[in-house]
Structure formats: structure tokens, C-alpha cells
Amino acid sequence: MTKENLKFNAYDSWAIWETPKNLKEGLTDEERQKMFGEAYIPKHFPIDQLPKNLAEHLKAVEYVIVGLNPGNEGASLAEESEAFLNFHGLKKSLDYRLAAVLYDTKLWGAFMTDLIHVVESDSSKVSTDSEDVAYLEAHLDELGVSENAVLVALGGKTEKALTGKARRKVVSLPHYSGANGHWKAENTRQKVEAIASN
């Protein structure tokens, strides 16, 4: 894998995590989530799972998963810029929840980034505007991501910020953070499968 002249930023990553060793078919969504939680390696990105030619891979990206902003439990920006560690932070950030619902779907391996670059776990303290969306779209264009790629907003605030402002199609998933008391692996997995089937 080479980053050859690609303008990744410290907030970019990929929807790839280490998978549990004894993962088998027929698990419930909650069982799969528990296994991903037990196997989760904090501040680790499995770079060996990325394709060698990232420029070509970016052109073929079908989905871009967009968070609102980095939370306080993520990796430091210095760490993230080196190894795609955004969305791969400390275990208590619950990134493994997202990994478990994306696993073995078309969204596994999707490009990931944050809409704004303010580190803050309390989303009520974060605001967005159309310039943030324009910057995101320009960043995706610069990386060679297709206009046909679907933006998958994590959480209602991200969805609201993108809808009506983004050129690319916008869909949404519930956010996986512990602040989301409504998270259910089964319901979210069904939403992932619905997105992947359209």
C-alpha cells in the first residue's frame, strides 16, 4: 500500500478493522458485536488489508462513511495522520460497534472521514455550515472519489448537515457512540443491508 501523492488528511480512514478469529456464520448481530468488542485492538489500523493501489481503489469507492467530528477518545492527530487511526480509537469509543454492523457487507472497506475537524465528544458543542460540506466534497474530489459515491452520515446531526448541501447522495446510520442510548446492533445491521441493496 502506498499513499503516493494522495492528499489524505488526519481524519481519513477506512471501514476495516481486525476481525475476530472464530467468527462464524449464523451469529446474531448482538453476538457478532460482542465478538468484535472482545477482539478490538485500540489505536490499531490493519494497514495490510488495504489494496496496494489506493488511487485506483478510491476511484471505485461506492460509500463514504461520514462522522460529524473526531471524539475525545480517538487517536491523537499525529497518530491518525500516520496510520488511518480515526474511527479506530480507544475501546471505550465503541468503534467496534460500527465494525460489527458493517462486517461482510458492501460497506466494509468504505472510505471514512469526518465532516469537521474539531475534537469534541459532545456533539451539542459542535456546529457545521455549508462551507464544511463544500470542503468535504472538495476533499473527496481531490482524492478521486466518484460523484456517484453515497455519503453515509453517522447520526442525525451529520445527516442534517449534509442533506441538501452535498452533491452526492446522502443516507444515514445511527451513531455508534455510547451517548446514543438507542443503538441496537440488529436494527443498525438492517439499515446497513438496506443501504447496500440500493
N, C-alpha and C. Protein backbone atom coordinates (compact mmCIF):
# COMPACT_ATOMS: atom_id res chain seq x y z
N MET A 1 0.85 -1.17 0.00
CA MET A 1 0.00 0.00 0.00
C MET A 1 0.89 1.23 0.00
N THR A 2 0.58 2.15 -0.90
CA THR A 2 1.31 3.41 -0.93
C THR A 2 0.33 4.57 -0.95
N LYS A 3 0.70 5.66 -0.28
CA LYS A 3 -0.16 6.84 -0.26
C LYS A 3 0.16 7.77 -1.42
N GLU A 4 1.14 7.39 -2.26
CA GLU A 4 1.62 8.14 -3.40
C GLU A 4 0.83 9.40 -3.75
N ASN A 5 1.29 10.53 -3.39
CA ASN A 5 0.72 11.83 -3.77
C ASN A 5 -0.76 11.99 -3.46
N LEU A 6 -1.35 11.11 -2.69
CA LEU A 6 -2.76 11.25 -2.34
C LEU A 6 -2.86 12.18 -1.14
N LYS A 7 -3.81 13.08 -1.17
CA LYS A 7 -3.93 14.13 -0.16
C LYS A 7 -4.84 13.70 0.99
N PHE A 8 -4.49 12.60 1.65
CA PHE A 8 -5.25 12.18 2.82
C PHE A 8 -5.02 13.19 3.94
N ASN A 9 -6.02 13.34 4.80
CA ASN A 9 -5.81 14.17 5.99
C ASN A 9 -5.90 13.29 7.24
N ALA A 10 -5.69 13.88 8.38
CA ALA A 10 -5.63 13.13 9.63
C ALA A 10 -6.99 12.56 10.04
N TYR A 11 -8.06 12.93 9.35
CA TYR A 11 -9.41 12.48 9.72
C TYR A 11 -9.88 11.35 8.82
N ASP A 12 -9.08 10.98 7.83
CA ASP A 12 -9.44 9.95 6.87
C ASP A 12 -9.09 8.56 7.39
N SER A 13 -9.91 7.60 7.03
CA SER A 13 -9.65 6.21 7.39
C SER A 13 -10.44 5.31 6.45
N TRP A 14 -10.51 4.07 6.81
CA TRP A 14 -11.22 3.06 6.03
C TRP A 14 -12.01 2.18 7.00
N ALA A 15 -13.15 1.69 6.54
CA ALA A 15 -14.02 0.83 7.35
C ALA A 15 -13.48 -0.60 7.33
N ILE A 16 -12.31 -0.74 7.94
CA ILE A 16 -11.64 -2.04 8.05
C ILE A 16 -11.09 -2.13 9.47
N TRP A 17 -11.38 -3.22 10.13
CA TRP A 17 -10.85 -3.49 11.46
C TRP A 17 -10.39 -4.95 11.49
N GLU A 18 -9.61 -5.29 12.49
CA GLU A 18 -9.26 -6.70 12.66
C GLU A 18 -10.55 -7.47 12.95
N THR A 19 -10.68 -8.64 12.35
CA THR A 19 -11.88 -9.44 12.58
C THR A 19 -11.61 -10.53 13.61
N PRO A 20 -12.62 -10.86 14.38
CA PRO A 20 -12.43 -11.92 15.38
C PRO A 20 -12.03 -13.24 14.71
N LYS A 21 -11.18 -13.98 15.38
CA LYS A 21 -10.63 -15.22 14.80
C LYS A 21 -11.69 -16.31 14.61
N ASN A 22 -12.62 -16.44 15.52
CA ASN A 22 -13.59 -17.54 15.45
C ASN A 22 -14.96 -17.08 14.95
N LEU A 23 -14.97 -16.03 14.13
CA LEU A 23 -16.22 -15.52 13.60
C LEU A 23 -16.83 -16.55 12.66
N LYS A 24 -18.10 -16.85 12.87
CA LYS A 24 -18.75 -17.85 12.02
C LYS A 24 -20.11 -17.36 11.57
N GLU A 25 -20.65 -18.01 10.57
CA GLU A 25 -21.97 -17.64 10.07
C GLU A 25 -23.03 -18.04 11.10
N GLY A 26 -24.16 -17.38 11.00
CA GLY A 26 -25.28 -17.74 11.87
C GLY A 26 -25.31 -17.01 13.20
N LEU A 27 -24.35 -16.12 13.44
CA LEU A 27 -24.37 -15.36 14.69
C LEU A 27 -25.47 -14.30 14.64
N THR A 28 -26.03 -13.98 15.79
CA THR A 28 -26.93 -12.84 15.83
C THR A 28 -26.07 -11.57 15.73
N ASP A 29 -26.71 -10.47 15.44
CA ASP A 29 -25.98 -9.21 15.34
C ASP A 29 -25.36 -8.82 16.68
N GLU A 30 -26.05 -9.11 17.77
CA GLU A 30 -25.50 -8.82 19.10
C GLU A 30 -24.30 -9.72 19.40
N GLU A 31 -24.37 -10.99 19.01
CA GLU A 31 -23.23 -11.90 19.22
C GLU A 31 -22.01 -11.45 18.41
N ARG A 32 -22.25 -11.04 17.15
CA ARG A 32 -21.15 -10.55 16.32
C ARG A 32 -20.54 -9.30 16.94
N GLN A 33 -21.37 -8.39 17.43
CA GLN A 33 -20.88 -7.17 18.07
C GLN A 33 -20.03 -7.50 19.30
N LYS A 34 -20.48 -8.46 20.09
CA LYS A 34 -19.71 -8.86 21.28
C LYS A 34 -18.35 -9.41 20.88
N MET A 35 -18.31 -10.22 19.83
CA MET A 35 -17.04 -10.79 19.37
C MET A 35 -16.09 -9.71 18.85
N PHE A 36 -16.64 -8.74 18.11
CA PHE A 36 -15.80 -7.64 17.63
C PHE A 36 -15.28 -6.82 18.82
N GLY A 37 -16.10 -6.65 19.84
CA GLY A 37 -15.66 -5.94 21.03
C GLY A 37 -14.52 -6.66 21.74
N GLU A 38 -14.63 -7.98 21.84
CA GLU A 38 -13.59 -8.77 22.51
C GLU A 38 -12.29 -8.78 21.71
N ALA A 39 -12.38 -8.72 20.39
CA ALA A 39 -11.19 -8.78 19.53
C ALA A 39 -10.60 -7.41 19.22
N TYR A 40 -11.28 -6.34 19.64
CA TYR A 40 -10.89 -4.98 19.26
C TYR A 40 -9.49 -4.63 19.78
N ILE A 41 -8.69 -4.06 18.90
CA ILE A 41 -7.34 -3.61 19.27
C ILE A 41 -7.35 -2.08 19.21
N PRO A 42 -7.24 -1.39 20.34
CA PRO A 42 -7.28 0.07 20.34
C PRO A 42 -6.11 0.67 19.56
N LYS A 43 -6.40 1.79 18.92
CA LYS A 43 -5.40 2.56 18.18
C LYS A 43 -4.60 1.69 17.21
N HIS A 44 -5.35 0.86 16.49
CA HIS A 44 -4.72 -0.05 15.52
C HIS A 44 -5.54 -0.04 14.23
N PHE A 45 -4.84 0.14 13.12
CA PHE A 45 -5.48 0.03 11.82
C PHE A 45 -4.78 -1.08 11.04
N PRO A 46 -5.54 -2.05 10.52
CA PRO A 46 -4.93 -3.19 9.79
C PRO A 46 -4.50 -2.79 8.37
N ILE A 47 -3.44 -2.05 8.29
CA ILE A 47 -3.00 -1.47 7.02
C ILE A 47 -2.70 -2.53 5.97
N ASP A 48 -2.37 -3.73 6.41
CA ASP A 48 -2.09 -4.82 5.47
C ASP A 48 -3.34 -5.26 4.70
N GLN A 49 -4.52 -4.85 5.15
CA GLN A 49 -5.75 -5.21 4.46
C GLN A 49 -6.13 -4.23 3.35
N LEU A 50 -5.41 -3.10 3.27
CA LEU A 50 -5.69 -2.14 2.21
C LEU A 50 -5.10 -2.63 0.89
N PRO A 51 -5.76 -2.30 -0.22
CA PRO A 51 -5.19 -2.66 -1.52
C PRO A 51 -3.90 -1.87 -1.77
N LYS A 52 -3.05 -2.40 -2.62
CA LYS A 52 -1.76 -1.77 -2.91
C LYS A 52 -1.94 -0.42 -3.60
N ASN A 53 -2.87 -0.33 -4.55
CA ASN A 53 -3.05 0.89 -5.33
C ASN A 53 -4.26 1.66 -4.79
N LEU A 54 -4.00 2.57 -3.86
CA LEU A 54 -5.10 3.31 -3.24
C LEU A 54 -5.75 4.29 -4.20
N ALA A 55 -5.00 4.84 -5.13
CA ALA A 55 -5.59 5.78 -6.09
C ALA A 55 -6.69 5.09 -6.90
N GLU A 56 -6.42 3.89 -7.38
CA GLU A 56 -7.43 3.14 -8.13
C GLU A 56 -8.59 2.72 -7.23
N HIS A 57 -8.25 2.33 -6.01
CA HIS A 57 -9.28 1.91 -5.06
C HIS A 57 -10.24 3.08 -4.75
N LEU A 58 -9.69 4.28 -4.58
CA LEU A 58 -10.53 5.44 -4.28
C LEU A 58 -11.50 5.73 -5.42
N LYS A 59 -11.09 5.52 -6.63
CA LYS A 59 -11.98 5.75 -7.79
C LYS A 59 -13.17 4.80 -7.77
N ALA A 60 -12.98 3.63 -7.17
CA ALA A 60 -14.04 2.61 -7.14
C ALA A 60 -14.88 2.66 -5.86
N VAL A 61 -14.58 3.58 -4.95
CA VAL A 61 -15.32 3.67 -3.69
C VAL A 61 -16.81 3.93 -3.97
N GLU A 62 -17.66 3.10 -3.38
CA GLU A 62 -19.10 3.26 -3.54
C GLU A 62 -19.73 4.02 -2.37
N TYR A 63 -19.10 3.92 -1.20
CA TYR A 63 -19.65 4.53 0.01
C TYR A 63 -18.56 5.29 0.75
N VAL A 64 -18.95 6.46 1.27
CA VAL A 64 -18.07 7.24 2.15
C VAL A 64 -18.82 7.42 3.46
N ILE A 65 -18.29 6.86 4.53
CA ILE A 65 -18.92 6.97 5.84
C ILE A 65 -18.42 8.26 6.47
N VAL A 66 -19.35 9.12 6.85
CA VAL A 66 -19.00 10.46 7.33
C VAL A 66 -19.46 10.64 8.77
N GLY A 67 -18.50 10.82 9.67
CA GLY A 67 -18.80 11.17 11.05
C GLY A 67 -18.91 12.69 11.15
N LEU A 68 -19.45 13.16 12.25
CA LEU A 68 -19.55 14.61 12.45
C LEU A 68 -18.17 15.21 12.70
N ASN A 69 -17.47 14.65 13.69
CA ASN A 69 -16.15 15.15 14.08
C ASN A 69 -15.48 14.11 14.96
N PRO A 70 -14.16 14.21 15.12
CA PRO A 70 -13.48 13.24 15.99
C PRO A 70 -13.86 13.44 17.46
N GLY A 71 -14.05 12.34 18.15
CA GLY A 71 -14.33 12.40 19.58
C GLY A 71 -13.05 12.44 20.40
N ASN A 72 -13.21 12.69 21.67
CA ASN A 72 -12.06 12.80 22.58
C ASN A 72 -11.33 11.49 22.79
N GLU A 73 -11.98 10.36 22.52
CA GLU A 73 -11.36 9.06 22.79
C GLU A 73 -10.63 8.48 21.59
N GLY A 74 -10.59 9.22 20.51
CA GLY A 74 -9.88 8.74 19.32
C GLY A 74 -8.38 8.85 19.50
N ALA A 75 -7.68 8.44 18.48
CA ALA A 75 -6.22 8.55 18.49
C ALA A 75 -5.84 10.01 18.30
N SER A 76 -4.65 10.38 18.72
CA SER A 76 -4.21 11.76 18.53
C SER A 76 -4.04 12.03 17.05
N LEU A 77 -4.09 13.30 16.66
CA LEU A 77 -3.97 13.64 15.25
C LEU A 77 -2.64 13.20 14.68
N ALA A 78 -1.58 13.25 15.45
CA ALA A 78 -0.28 12.80 14.96
C ALA A 78 -0.34 11.31 14.62
N GLU A 79 -1.00 10.53 15.48
CA GLU A 79 -1.14 9.10 15.21
C GLU A 79 -2.02 8.87 13.98
N GLU A 80 -3.13 9.61 13.89
CA GLU A 80 -4.07 9.41 12.80
C GLU A 80 -3.45 9.71 11.45
N SER A 81 -2.64 10.76 11.35
CA SER A 81 -2.09 11.13 10.06
C SER A 81 -1.13 10.06 9.53
N GLU A 82 -0.59 9.26 10.42
CA GLU A 82 0.35 8.23 10.01
C GLU A 82 -0.35 6.94 9.59
N ALA A 83 -1.46 6.61 10.19
CA ALA A 83 -1.95 5.24 10.01
C ALA A 83 -3.46 5.08 9.92
N PHE A 84 -4.18 6.08 9.46
CA PHE A 84 -5.64 5.97 9.31
C PHE A 84 -6.33 5.57 10.61
N LEU A 85 -5.91 6.13 11.73
CA LEU A 85 -6.44 5.70 13.03
C LEU A 85 -7.76 6.37 13.43
N ASN A 86 -8.24 7.35 12.68
CA ASN A 86 -9.55 7.89 13.02
C ASN A 86 -10.56 6.76 12.88
N PHE A 87 -11.54 6.68 13.76
CA PHE A 87 -12.53 5.60 13.84
C PHE A 87 -11.90 4.28 14.33
N HIS A 88 -10.70 4.35 14.87
CA HIS A 88 -10.00 3.17 15.39
C HIS A 88 -9.33 3.54 16.71
N GLY A 89 -10.08 4.22 17.59
CA GLY A 89 -9.52 4.77 18.83
C GLY A 89 -9.55 3.79 19.99
N LEU A 90 -9.65 4.37 21.19
CA LEU A 90 -9.73 3.55 22.39
C LEU A 90 -10.99 2.69 22.38
N LYS A 91 -10.96 1.58 23.09
CA LYS A 91 -12.11 0.67 23.08
C LYS A 91 -13.38 1.35 23.57
N LYS A 92 -13.24 2.25 24.55
CA LYS A 92 -14.45 2.89 25.08
C LYS A 92 -15.12 3.84 24.09
N SER A 93 -14.46 4.10 22.95
CA SER A 93 -15.10 4.89 21.89
C SER A 93 -16.16 4.07 21.15
N LEU A 94 -16.13 2.76 21.35
CA LEU A 94 -17.11 1.81 20.79
C LEU A 94 -17.07 1.71 19.26
N ASP A 95 -15.92 2.01 18.67
CA ASP A 95 -15.76 1.87 17.22
C ASP A 95 -16.09 0.44 16.76
N TYR A 96 -15.87 -0.52 17.64
CA TYR A 96 -16.14 -1.92 17.27
C TYR A 96 -17.61 -2.17 16.96
N ARG A 97 -18.49 -1.35 17.50
CA ARG A 97 -19.91 -1.49 17.16
C ARG A 97 -20.13 -1.28 15.66
N LEU A 98 -19.49 -0.22 15.16
CA LEU A 98 -19.61 0.07 13.73
C LEU A 98 -18.98 -1.06 12.92
N ALA A 99 -17.81 -1.52 13.34
CA ALA A 99 -17.15 -2.63 12.65
C ALA A 99 -18.07 -3.84 12.54
N ALA A 100 -18.74 -4.18 13.62
CA ALA A 100 -19.59 -5.38 13.65
C ALA A 100 -20.78 -5.28 12.71
N VAL A 101 -21.40 -4.10 12.61
CA VAL A 101 -22.57 -3.99 11.73
C VAL A 101 -22.18 -3.86 10.26
N LEU A 102 -20.96 -3.41 9.99
CA LEU A 102 -20.51 -3.27 8.60
C LEU A 102 -19.90 -4.56 8.06
N TYR A 103 -19.43 -5.41 8.95
CA TYR A 103 -18.71 -6.61 8.54
C TYR A 103 -19.52 -7.45 7.55
N ASP A 104 -18.83 -7.90 6.50
CA ASP A 104 -19.42 -8.79 5.49
C ASP A 104 -20.59 -8.15 4.74
N THR A 105 -20.52 -6.82 4.57
CA THR A 105 -21.49 -6.10 3.73
C THR A 105 -20.69 -5.27 2.73
N LYS A 106 -21.38 -4.63 1.80
CA LYS A 106 -20.71 -3.78 0.81
C LYS A 106 -20.11 -2.53 1.44
N LEU A 107 -20.47 -2.20 2.67
CA LEU A 107 -19.92 -1.01 3.32
C LEU A 107 -18.60 -1.30 4.03
N TRP A 108 -18.27 -2.58 4.22
CA TRP A 108 -16.96 -2.93 4.79
C TRP A 108 -15.90 -2.50 3.79
N GLY A 109 -14.92 -1.77 4.24
CA GLY A 109 -13.87 -1.28 3.35
C GLY A 109 -14.15 0.10 2.78
N ALA A 110 -15.31 0.68 3.13
CA ALA A 110 -15.65 2.02 2.64
C ALA A 110 -14.63 3.05 3.13
N PHE A 111 -14.49 4.14 2.40
CA PHE A 111 -13.67 5.26 2.85
C PHE A 111 -14.42 5.94 3.98
N MET A 112 -13.68 6.48 4.95
CA MET A 112 -14.29 7.14 6.10
C MET A 112 -13.59 8.47 6.36
N THR A 113 -14.35 9.45 6.82
CA THR A 113 -13.77 10.72 7.22
C THR A 113 -14.76 11.47 8.11
N ASP A 114 -14.32 12.57 8.68
CA ASP A 114 -15.20 13.41 9.50
C ASP A 114 -15.54 14.68 8.74
N LEU A 115 -16.74 15.20 8.99
CA LEU A 115 -17.20 16.41 8.32
C LEU A 115 -16.42 17.63 8.80
N ILE A 116 -16.25 17.76 10.10
CA ILE A 116 -15.50 18.90 10.62
C ILE A 116 -14.35 18.40 11.48
N HIS A 117 -13.40 19.26 11.70
CA HIS A 117 -12.15 18.83 12.32
C HIS A 117 -11.95 19.41 13.71
N VAL A 118 -13.01 19.40 14.50
CA VAL A 118 -12.97 19.85 15.88
C VAL A 118 -13.06 18.61 16.76
N VAL A 119 -12.08 18.40 17.63
CA VAL A 119 -12.10 17.24 18.52
C VAL A 119 -13.00 17.56 19.72
N GLU A 120 -14.14 16.87 19.79
CA GLU A 120 -15.13 17.12 20.85
C GLU A 120 -16.14 15.98 20.86
N SER A 121 -16.25 15.29 21.98
CA SER A 121 -17.19 14.16 22.07
C SER A 121 -18.64 14.60 22.23
N ASP A 122 -18.88 15.79 22.73
CA ASP A 122 -20.24 16.29 22.93
C ASP A 122 -20.70 16.99 21.65
N SER A 123 -21.50 16.31 20.86
CA SER A 123 -21.90 16.86 19.56
C SER A 123 -22.73 18.14 19.69
N SER A 124 -23.33 18.38 20.86
CA SER A 124 -24.10 19.62 21.03
C SER A 124 -23.19 20.85 21.05
N LYS A 125 -21.90 20.62 21.24
CA LYS A 125 -20.93 21.73 21.25
C LYS A 125 -20.30 21.95 19.88
N VAL A 126 -20.77 21.22 18.87
CA VAL A 126 -20.18 21.28 17.53
C VAL A 126 -21.22 21.82 16.56
N SER A 127 -20.81 22.80 15.75
CA SER A 127 -21.73 23.32 14.74
C SER A 127 -21.09 23.18 13.36
N THR A 128 -21.95 23.12 12.35
CA THR A 128 -21.49 22.96 10.97
C THR A 128 -22.13 24.03 10.11
N ASP A 129 -21.54 24.25 8.95
CA ASP A 129 -22.16 25.14 7.96
C ASP A 129 -21.88 24.60 6.57
N SER A 130 -22.39 25.27 5.56
CA SER A 130 -22.26 24.78 4.19
C SER A 130 -20.81 24.75 3.74
N GLU A 131 -19.95 25.58 4.33
CA GLU A 131 -18.53 25.55 3.96
C GLU A 131 -17.89 24.22 4.36
N ASP A 132 -18.32 23.65 5.49
CA ASP A 132 -17.79 22.35 5.91
C ASP A 132 -18.14 21.28 4.88
N VAL A 133 -19.37 21.33 4.38
CA VAL A 133 -19.81 20.34 3.38
C VAL A 133 -19.05 20.55 2.08
N ALA A 134 -18.86 21.80 1.68
CA ALA A 134 -18.11 22.10 0.46
C ALA A 134 -16.67 21.61 0.58
N TYR A 135 -16.08 21.78 1.76
CA TYR A 135 -14.71 21.31 1.97
C TYR A 135 -14.65 19.78 1.87
N LEU A 136 -15.62 19.10 2.48
CA LEU A 136 -15.68 17.64 2.41
C LEU A 136 -15.77 17.18 0.96
N GLU A 137 -16.68 17.77 0.21
CA GLU A 137 -16.86 17.37 -1.20
C GLU A 137 -15.58 17.63 -2.00
N ALA A 138 -14.94 18.78 -1.77
CA ALA A 138 -13.71 19.10 -2.49
C ALA A 138 -12.60 18.10 -2.13
N HIS A 139 -12.55 17.70 -0.87
CA HIS A 139 -11.55 16.71 -0.43
C HIS A 139 -11.79 15.37 -1.13
N LEU A 140 -13.03 14.95 -1.20
CA LEU A 140 -13.35 13.69 -1.89
C LEU A 140 -13.00 13.78 -3.38
N ASP A 141 -13.32 14.93 -3.98
CA ASP A 141 -12.97 15.14 -5.40
C ASP A 141 -11.46 15.04 -5.60
N GLU A 142 -10.71 15.68 -4.72
CA GLU A 142 -9.25 15.69 -4.84
C GLU A 142 -8.66 14.28 -4.72
N LEU A 143 -9.32 13.44 -3.91
CA LEU A 143 -8.86 12.06 -3.76
C LEU A 143 -9.31 11.16 -4.92
N GLY A 144 -10.20 11.66 -5.75
CA GLY A 144 -10.67 10.87 -6.89
C GLY A 144 -11.90 10.04 -6.61
N VAL A 145 -12.60 10.33 -5.51
CA VAL A 145 -13.83 9.60 -5.17
C VAL A 145 -14.95 10.02 -6.13
N SER A 146 -15.64 9.06 -6.68
CA SER A 146 -16.68 9.30 -7.67
C SER A 146 -17.82 10.17 -7.14
N GLU A 147 -18.40 10.93 -8.06
CA GLU A 147 -19.61 11.71 -7.73
C GLU A 147 -20.77 10.78 -7.38
N ASN A 148 -20.69 9.52 -7.81
CA ASN A 148 -21.75 8.56 -7.55
C ASN A 148 -21.62 7.86 -6.20
N ALA A 149 -20.52 8.11 -5.49
CA ALA A 149 -20.36 7.51 -4.16
C ALA A 149 -21.44 8.05 -3.23
N VAL A 150 -21.96 7.19 -2.38
CA VAL A 150 -23.02 7.57 -1.44
C VAL A 150 -22.38 7.97 -0.11
N LEU A 151 -22.80 9.13 0.42
CA LEU A 151 -22.33 9.57 1.72
C LEU A 151 -23.22 8.95 2.79
N VAL A 152 -22.62 8.20 3.69
CA VAL A 152 -23.36 7.54 4.77
C VAL A 152 -23.09 8.33 6.05
N ALA A 153 -24.04 9.15 6.43
CA ALA A 153 -23.90 10.02 7.60
C ALA A 153 -24.08 9.21 8.87
N LEU A 154 -23.15 9.38 9.81
CA LEU A 154 -23.28 8.73 11.12
C LEU A 154 -23.99 9.69 12.07
N GLY A 155 -25.24 9.39 12.35
CA GLY A 155 -26.01 10.19 13.29
C GLY A 155 -26.83 11.27 12.61
N GLY A 156 -27.86 11.72 13.32
CA GLY A 156 -28.80 12.69 12.78
C GLY A 156 -28.19 14.05 12.51
N LYS A 157 -27.27 14.50 13.35
CA LYS A 157 -26.68 15.82 13.16
C LYS A 157 -25.84 15.86 11.89
N THR A 158 -25.11 14.79 11.62
CA THR A 158 -24.31 14.72 10.39
C THR A 158 -25.24 14.65 9.18
N GLU A 159 -26.29 13.84 9.28
CA GLU A 159 -27.25 13.73 8.18
C GLU A 159 -27.86 15.10 7.87
N LYS A 160 -28.27 15.82 8.90
CA LYS A 160 -28.89 17.14 8.71
C LYS A 160 -27.90 18.11 8.06
N ALA A 161 -26.64 18.04 8.48
CA ALA A 161 -25.62 18.94 7.93
C ALA A 161 -25.39 18.67 6.44
N LEU A 162 -25.43 17.40 6.03
CA LEU A 162 -25.13 17.03 4.65
C LEU A 162 -26.33 17.16 3.71
N THR A 163 -27.52 16.85 4.20
CA THR A 163 -28.71 16.81 3.35
C THR A 163 -29.01 18.20 2.78
N GLY A 164 -29.17 18.23 1.48
CA GLY A 164 -29.49 19.48 0.79
C GLY A 164 -28.28 20.33 0.47
N LYS A 165 -27.12 19.96 1.02
CA LYS A 165 -25.90 20.73 0.75
C LYS A 165 -24.88 19.91 -0.04
N ALA A 166 -24.86 18.61 0.17
CA ALA A 166 -23.90 17.75 -0.52
C ALA A 166 -24.38 17.45 -1.93
N ARG A 167 -23.44 17.35 -2.86
CA ARG A 167 -23.76 16.97 -4.25
C ARG A 167 -24.06 15.48 -4.34
N ARG A 168 -23.36 14.70 -3.52
CA ARG A 168 -23.52 13.26 -3.55
C ARG A 168 -24.77 12.87 -2.74
N LYS A 169 -25.31 11.71 -3.07
CA LYS A 169 -26.47 11.18 -2.35
C LYS A 169 -26.11 10.97 -0.88
N VAL A 170 -27.06 11.25 0.02
CA VAL A 170 -26.86 11.12 1.46
C VAL A 170 -27.86 10.12 2.04
N VAL A 171 -27.35 9.16 2.80
CA VAL A 171 -28.17 8.23 3.60
C VAL A 171 -27.60 8.28 5.01
N SER A 172 -28.24 7.61 5.95
CA SER A 172 -27.72 7.71 7.32
C SER A 172 -27.81 6.39 8.08
N LEU A 173 -26.95 6.32 9.10
CA LEU A 173 -26.96 5.24 10.08
C LEU A 173 -26.94 5.88 11.46
N PRO A 174 -27.46 5.20 12.47
CA PRO A 174 -27.33 5.71 13.83
C PRO A 174 -25.85 5.77 14.22
N HIS A 175 -25.51 6.73 15.06
CA HIS A 175 -24.13 6.80 15.54
C HIS A 175 -23.92 5.70 16.58
N TYR A 176 -22.71 5.16 16.59
CA TYR A 176 -22.39 4.02 17.45
C TYR A 176 -21.89 4.41 18.84
N SER A 177 -21.77 5.69 19.13
CA SER A 177 -21.18 6.10 20.42
C SER A 177 -22.07 5.71 21.60
N GLY A 178 -21.47 5.69 22.75
CA GLY A 178 -22.20 5.36 23.97
C GLY A 178 -23.26 6.39 24.31
N ALA A 179 -23.12 7.60 23.77
CA ALA A 179 -24.13 8.65 24.01
C ALA A 179 -25.45 8.32 23.31
N ASN A 180 -25.41 7.41 22.34
CA ASN A 180 -26.62 7.01 21.64
C ASN A 180 -27.25 5.84 22.38
N GLY A 181 -28.17 6.16 23.25
CA GLY A 181 -28.85 5.14 24.04
C GLY A 181 -29.81 4.29 23.24
N HIS A 182 -30.03 4.64 21.97
CA HIS A 182 -30.97 3.90 21.12
C HIS A 182 -30.28 2.89 20.23
N TRP A 183 -28.94 2.75 20.34
CA TRP A 183 -28.19 1.83 19.48
C TRP A 183 -28.64 0.39 19.70
N LYS A 184 -28.96 -0.27 18.62
CA LYS A 184 -29.25 -1.71 18.62
C LYS A 184 -28.54 -2.30 17.41
N ALA A 185 -27.69 -3.28 17.65
CA ALA A 185 -26.92 -3.88 16.56
C ALA A 185 -27.84 -4.43 15.46
N GLU A 186 -28.91 -5.09 15.85
CA GLU A 186 -29.79 -5.71 14.86
C GLU A 186 -30.44 -4.65 13.97
N ASN A 187 -30.99 -3.59 14.56
CA ASN A 187 -31.65 -2.54 13.78
C ASN A 187 -30.66 -1.85 12.85
N THR A 188 -29.46 -1.59 13.36
CA THR A 188 -28.46 -0.89 12.54
C THR A 188 -27.98 -1.79 11.42
N ARG A 189 -27.79 -3.06 11.69
CA ARG A 189 -27.38 -4.01 10.64
C ARG A 189 -28.43 -4.03 9.52
N GLN A 190 -29.71 -4.01 9.87
CA GLN A 190 -30.76 -4.00 8.86
C GLN A 190 -30.67 -2.75 7.99
N LYS A 191 -30.32 -1.61 8.62
CA LYS A 191 -30.17 -0.36 7.86
C LYS A 191 -28.96 -0.44 6.93
N VAL A 192 -27.87 -1.04 7.41
CA VAL A 192 -26.68 -1.22 6.56
C VAL A 192 -27.04 -2.07 5.36
N GLU A 193 -27.75 -3.15 5.58
CA GLU A 193 -28.13 -4.04 4.47
C GLU A 193 -29.06 -3.35 3.48
N ALA A 194 -29.94 -2.50 3.99
CA ALA A 194 -30.84 -1.74 3.10
C ALA A 194 -30.05 -0.76 2.26
N ILE A 195 -29.08 -0.09 2.84
CA ILE A 195 -28.23 0.84 2.07
C ILE A 195 -27.47 0.08 1.00
N ALA A 196 -26.91 -1.06 1.38
CA ALA A 196 -26.09 -1.84 0.45
C ALA A 196 -26.91 -2.43 -0.69
N SER A 197 -28.20 -2.59 -0.50
CA SER A 197 -29.04 -3.21 -1.54
C SER A 197 -29.60 -2.19 -2.53
N ASN A 198 -29.43 -0.92 -2.26
CA ASN A 198 -29.96 0.13 -3.17
C ASN A 198 -28.92 0.60 -4.15
